[in-house]
Amino acid sequence: MKDTLIVIIEDERPAARSLQRKLMKLGYSQITLLHSVEQAKQWFSTHPEPDLLFLDIQLSDGLSFEILDELALSCPIIFTTAYDEFALKAFKVNSVDYLMKPIIEEELEAALAKYEKNHANKQPSLDMIELKALFAPNRSSYKTRFSIKIGQQIKLITVDEIECFFSENKGTYAFCSDGNQYLLDFTLDQLEKLLDPDIFFRISRGFLVHIKAIKSIAVHSNSRLKLYFHHYANAEVIVSRERVNDFKEWIE
């Protein structure tokens, strides 16, 4: 087994575990998983830099560049992202290593071979100013897909497939237009920040809905509104009274 110290910072836990398994299959055993900006900051405050960092760009509590800015990390970095492949191609010539999700083993091996070849150089050859500009908030950085672990497989679902997110029994679920629902590793509070507010709206403490999923709207008691979806019918979906005005503005 190789003695390379690796840290994976990835907010989608199934994706993090999948990458960990792929690395272990390739002989890397010393792997730490972190899942947010804040958790990474806390971990690095008490641990030395790893030999190699796998870094998701869009995390549940912000962009991962915040970690790099605050901690001034100098270890080699391989970015992992679901961002548009064509927007990133330009960085290949600047030696920016990145892996598109879902990560393909052959591409992972190629990125690791590049790391192994240049492991003596501790300064990552990244044009960080240009890369940060690409993912700045004024460009769309909202989440567009989720990876869901189902048994030994990982299923990718896009936000366009999701009619609503809801909380139930201390869990958060995504209900899809095909009638299936999936447990997520996010809270509704986190999802509200990650999703495009032009497409998703938090109608109550327990529901976050997709604009295209709404089939009709009816007046409900106590100045509230009741929503009917194209597919979701598991429970009544009510716009809370304090959010009715904002909801009406949102759908106009």
Protein backbone atom coordinates (compact mmCIF):
# COMPACT_ATOMS: atom_id res chain seq x y z
CA MET A 1 0.00 0.00 0.00
CA LYS A 2 1.18 3.54 -0.75
CA ASP A 3 1.99 5.87 2.14
CA THR A 4 0.54 8.97 0.45
CA LEU A 5 -1.64 11.00 2.84
CA ILE A 6 -4.86 12.00 1.07
CA VAL A 7 -7.73 14.24 2.16
CA ILE A 8 -11.04 14.28 0.27
CA ILE A 9 -13.30 17.30 0.81
CA GLU A 10 -16.67 16.45 -0.72
CA ASP A 11 -20.13 17.38 0.58
CA GLU A 12 -21.95 14.51 -1.15
CA ARG A 13 -21.09 11.64 1.16
CA PRO A 14 -21.85 8.81 -1.30
CA ALA A 15 -19.55 10.47 -3.84
CA ALA A 16 -16.83 10.86 -1.19
CA ARG A 17 -17.07 7.20 -0.21
CA SER A 18 -17.04 6.14 -3.86
CA LEU A 19 -13.83 8.11 -4.49
CA GLN A 20 -12.32 6.64 -1.33
CA ARG A 21 -13.04 3.10 -2.55
CA LYS A 22 -11.51 3.85 -5.97
CA LEU A 23 -8.36 5.21 -4.31
CA MET A 24 -8.07 2.21 -2.02
CA LYS A 25 -8.40 -0.06 -5.03
CA LEU A 26 -5.39 1.76 -6.51
CA GLY A 27 -3.32 1.19 -3.37
CA TYR A 28 -3.94 4.39 -1.38
CA SER A 29 -5.00 3.61 2.19
CA GLN A 30 -4.39 6.75 4.27
CA ILE A 31 -7.51 8.72 3.35
CA THR A 32 -9.49 11.27 5.40
CA LEU A 33 -13.00 12.37 4.40
CA LEU A 34 -14.26 15.89 5.14
CA HIS A 35 -17.64 17.25 4.06
CA SER A 36 -17.83 21.04 4.44
CA VAL A 37 -15.87 24.26 4.49
CA GLU A 38 -16.17 24.58 8.27
CA GLN A 39 -15.23 20.96 8.94
CA ALA A 40 -12.17 21.34 6.72
CA LYS A 41 -11.06 24.51 8.51
CA GLN A 42 -11.38 22.77 11.88
CA TRP A 43 -9.52 19.67 10.68
CA PHE A 44 -6.59 21.62 9.17
CA SER A 45 -6.26 23.65 12.38
CA THR A 46 -5.09 20.49 14.18
CA HIS A 47 -3.55 18.42 11.34
CA PRO A 48 -0.68 18.93 8.90
CA GLU A 49 -1.28 19.30 5.19
CA PRO A 50 -1.81 16.04 3.29
CA ASP A 51 0.35 14.93 0.39
CA LEU A 52 -2.63 15.28 -1.95
CA LEU A 53 -6.02 16.99 -1.67
CA PHE A 54 -9.15 16.05 -3.61
CA LEU A 55 -11.36 19.12 -3.45
CA ASP A 56 -14.98 19.52 -4.51
CA ILE A 57 -15.49 23.09 -5.72
CA GLN A 58 -19.09 23.60 -4.58
CA LEU A 59 -19.68 22.54 -0.98
CA SER A 60 -22.86 22.70 1.06
CA ASP A 61 -21.70 25.77 3.02
CA GLY A 62 -19.79 27.64 0.32
CA LEU A 63 -17.11 27.42 -2.34
CA SER A 64 -13.97 25.50 -1.41
CA PHE A 65 -11.77 28.45 -2.40
CA GLU A 66 -12.63 29.84 1.03
CA ILE A 67 -10.58 27.00 2.52
CA LEU A 68 -7.62 27.76 0.27
CA ASP A 69 -7.78 31.50 0.94
CA GLU A 70 -7.89 31.18 4.71
CA LEU A 71 -5.42 28.34 5.17
CA ALA A 72 -2.98 29.11 2.33
CA LEU A 73 -2.58 25.42 1.52
CA SER A 74 0.39 24.48 -0.64
CA CYS A 75 -0.33 20.78 -1.20
CA PRO A 76 -1.15 19.49 -4.71
CA ILE A 77 -4.87 19.64 -5.48
CA ILE A 78 -7.10 17.60 -7.77
CA PHE A 79 -10.47 19.31 -8.11
CA THR A 80 -13.67 17.29 -8.42
CA THR A 81 -16.72 18.96 -9.88
CA ALA A 82 -20.02 18.54 -11.68
CA TYR A 83 -19.49 21.89 -13.44
CA ASP A 84 -19.66 22.10 -17.19
CA GLU A 85 -16.73 20.26 -18.72
CA PHE A 86 -16.21 22.73 -21.55
CA ALA A 87 -15.82 25.65 -19.15
CA LEU A 88 -12.92 23.82 -17.52
CA LYS A 89 -11.05 22.59 -20.59
CA ALA A 90 -8.98 25.77 -20.80
CA PHE A 91 -7.37 24.99 -17.46
CA LYS A 92 -5.85 21.77 -18.77
CA VAL A 93 -3.08 23.78 -20.42
CA ASN A 94 -2.40 25.49 -17.09
CA SER A 95 -1.92 22.13 -15.38
CA VAL A 96 -5.18 22.34 -13.43
CA ASP A 97 -6.13 18.82 -12.47
CA TYR A 98 -9.85 18.17 -12.23
CA LEU A 99 -12.19 15.20 -12.37
CA MET A 100 -15.75 15.42 -13.62
CA LYS A 101 -18.43 13.66 -11.59
CA PRO A 102 -19.19 10.83 -11.67
CA ILE A 103 -15.49 10.05 -11.49
CA ILE A 104 -14.25 7.50 -14.03
CA GLU A 105 -11.47 5.22 -12.81
CA GLU A 106 -9.32 5.72 -15.91
CA GLU A 107 -9.41 9.50 -15.46
CA LEU A 108 -8.63 9.12 -11.76
CA GLU A 109 -5.60 6.97 -12.59
CA ALA A 110 -4.38 9.55 -15.12
CA ALA A 111 -4.69 12.38 -12.56
CA LEU A 112 -2.83 10.31 -9.97
CA ALA A 113 -0.10 9.47 -12.47
CA LYS A 114 0.35 13.18 -13.08
CA TYR A 115 0.55 13.76 -9.32
CA GLU A 116 3.06 10.94 -8.82
CA LYS A 117 5.23 12.32 -11.65
CA ASN A 118 5.36 15.78 -10.07
CA HIS A 119 5.02 14.91 -6.36
CA ALA A 120 8.35 16.53 -5.52
CA ASN A 121 6.92 19.92 -6.51
CA LYS A 122 4.85 20.99 -3.49
CA GLN A 123 3.54 24.14 -5.17
CA PRO A 124 0.36 23.43 -7.17
CA SER A 125 0.59 24.88 -10.67
CA LEU A 126 -2.88 26.41 -10.56
CA ASP A 127 -4.00 29.75 -11.91
CA MET A 128 -6.15 30.31 -8.83
CA ILE A 129 -7.26 33.81 -9.77
CA GLU A 130 -8.75 32.64 -13.07
CA LEU A 131 -10.20 29.49 -11.53
CA LYS A 132 -11.86 31.42 -8.70
CA ALA A 133 -13.31 33.87 -11.18
CA LEU A 134 -14.87 31.02 -13.11
CA PHE A 135 -16.79 29.86 -10.05
CA ALA A 136 -17.54 33.26 -8.57
CA PRO A 137 -21.11 33.76 -7.33
CA ASN A 138 -21.94 36.07 -10.24
CA ARG A 139 -21.67 32.99 -12.44
CA SER A 140 -24.17 30.25 -11.76
CA SER A 141 -22.86 28.10 -8.90
CA TYR A 142 -26.16 26.55 -7.88
CA LYS A 143 -26.37 22.81 -7.47
CA THR A 144 -27.63 21.03 -10.58
CA ARG A 145 -27.46 17.37 -9.57
CA PHE A 146 -27.27 14.99 -6.63
CA SER A 147 -25.57 11.61 -6.25
CA ILE A 148 -27.67 9.06 -4.40
CA LYS A 149 -26.30 5.78 -3.08
CA ILE A 150 -28.64 2.87 -3.76
CA GLY A 151 -27.17 -0.38 -2.48
CA GLN A 152 -23.77 -0.72 -4.14
CA GLN A 153 -24.60 1.75 -6.92
CA ILE A 154 -24.72 5.53 -7.17
CA LYS A 155 -27.59 7.16 -9.02
CA LEU A 156 -27.34 10.69 -10.39
CA ILE A 157 -30.48 12.81 -10.40
CA THR A 158 -30.72 16.32 -11.79
CA VAL A 159 -32.68 19.10 -10.12
CA ASP A 160 -35.07 19.12 -13.09
CA GLU A 161 -36.19 15.62 -12.10
CA ILE A 162 -37.07 16.74 -8.56
CA GLU A 163 -40.57 18.02 -7.80
CA CYS A 164 -39.91 18.87 -4.18
CA PHE A 165 -37.70 18.35 -1.16
CA PHE A 166 -39.35 17.60 2.16
CA SER A 167 -38.39 16.73 5.71
CA GLU A 168 -39.84 13.72 7.48
CA ASN A 169 -38.78 11.80 10.59
CA LYS A 170 -35.60 13.91 10.92
CA GLY A 171 -34.60 13.07 7.35
CA THR A 172 -34.60 15.12 4.14
CA TYR A 173 -35.98 13.58 0.96
CA ALA A 174 -36.08 14.44 -2.74
CA PHE A 175 -39.27 13.41 -4.53
CA CYS A 176 -38.78 12.88 -8.26
CA SER A 177 -41.21 13.07 -11.14
CA ASP A 178 -40.90 9.30 -11.69
CA GLY A 179 -42.53 8.73 -8.29
CA ASN A 180 -39.37 7.73 -6.43
CA GLN A 181 -38.03 9.53 -3.38
CA TYR A 182 -34.49 9.50 -2.04
CA LEU A 183 -32.93 10.27 1.33
CA LEU A 184 -30.31 13.04 1.15
CA ASP A 185 -27.39 14.11 3.33
CA PHE A 186 -28.65 17.69 3.41
CA THR A 187 -31.05 19.72 5.51
CA LEU A 188 -33.69 21.92 3.90
CA ASP A 189 -31.78 24.95 5.22
CA GLN A 190 -28.69 23.82 3.31
CA LEU A 191 -30.66 23.02 0.16
CA GLU A 192 -32.30 26.43 0.18
CA LYS A 193 -28.83 28.01 -0.13
CA LEU A 194 -27.59 25.53 -2.74
CA LEU A 195 -30.49 25.69 -5.19
CA ASP A 196 -31.41 28.39 -7.69
CA PRO A 197 -34.05 30.60 -6.00
CA ASP A 198 -35.67 31.27 -9.38
CA ILE A 199 -36.49 27.56 -9.61
CA PHE A 200 -36.97 26.43 -5.99
CA PHE A 201 -38.93 28.12 -3.21
CA ARG A 202 -39.15 27.27 0.50
CA ILE A 203 -42.91 27.35 1.10
CA SER A 204 -42.74 26.16 4.72
CA ARG A 205 -40.39 24.65 7.27
CA GLY A 206 -40.95 21.23 5.74
CA PHE A 207 -41.12 21.82 1.96
CA LEU A 208 -38.96 23.22 -0.83
CA VAL A 209 -40.72 23.09 -4.21
CA HIS A 210 -39.78 23.25 -7.91
CA ILE A 211 -41.68 25.86 -9.93
CA LYS A 212 -42.37 23.43 -12.81
CA ALA A 213 -43.79 20.81 -10.45
CA ILE A 214 -46.77 22.95 -9.47
CA LYS A 215 -49.91 21.85 -11.34
CA SER A 216 -52.42 24.13 -9.63
CA ILE A 217 -52.89 26.37 -6.59
CA ALA A 218 -55.95 26.68 -4.36
CA VAL A 219 -56.90 29.08 -1.59
CA HIS A 220 -56.65 27.35 1.77
CA SER A 221 -57.74 28.27 5.28
CA ASN A 222 -56.15 31.09 7.32
CA SER A 223 -54.95 32.98 4.24
CA ARG A 224 -52.73 30.11 3.15
CA LEU A 225 -52.36 28.39 -0.23
CA LYS A 226 -52.53 24.72 -1.10
CA LEU A 227 -50.35 23.33 -3.90
CA TYR A 228 -51.08 20.41 -6.21
CA PHE A 229 -48.22 18.76 -8.06
CA HIS A 230 -48.04 16.76 -11.25
CA HIS A 231 -46.88 13.66 -9.36
CA TYR A 232 -46.33 14.25 -5.64
CA ALA A 233 -49.45 13.37 -3.63
CA ASN A 234 -48.05 11.88 -0.44
CA ALA A 235 -49.26 14.70 1.78
CA GLU A 236 -50.93 18.10 1.70
CA VAL A 237 -48.51 20.80 0.60
CA ILE A 238 -49.41 24.13 2.15
CA VAL A 239 -47.70 27.49 1.70
CA SER A 240 -47.34 28.89 5.21
CA ARG A 241 -49.16 32.15 5.88
CA GLU A 242 -45.97 34.16 6.47
CA ARG A 243 -44.60 33.05 3.08
CA VAL A 244 -47.68 33.54 0.92
CA ASN A 245 -46.77 37.06 -0.27
CA ASP A 246 -43.23 36.07 -1.20
CA PHE A 247 -44.55 32.96 -2.91
CA LYS A 248 -46.98 35.02 -5.01
CA GLU A 249 -44.12 37.26 -6.12
CA TRP A 250 -42.00 34.22 -6.91
CA ILE A 251 -44.54 32.62 -9.27
CA GLU A 252 -45.28 35.82 -11.20
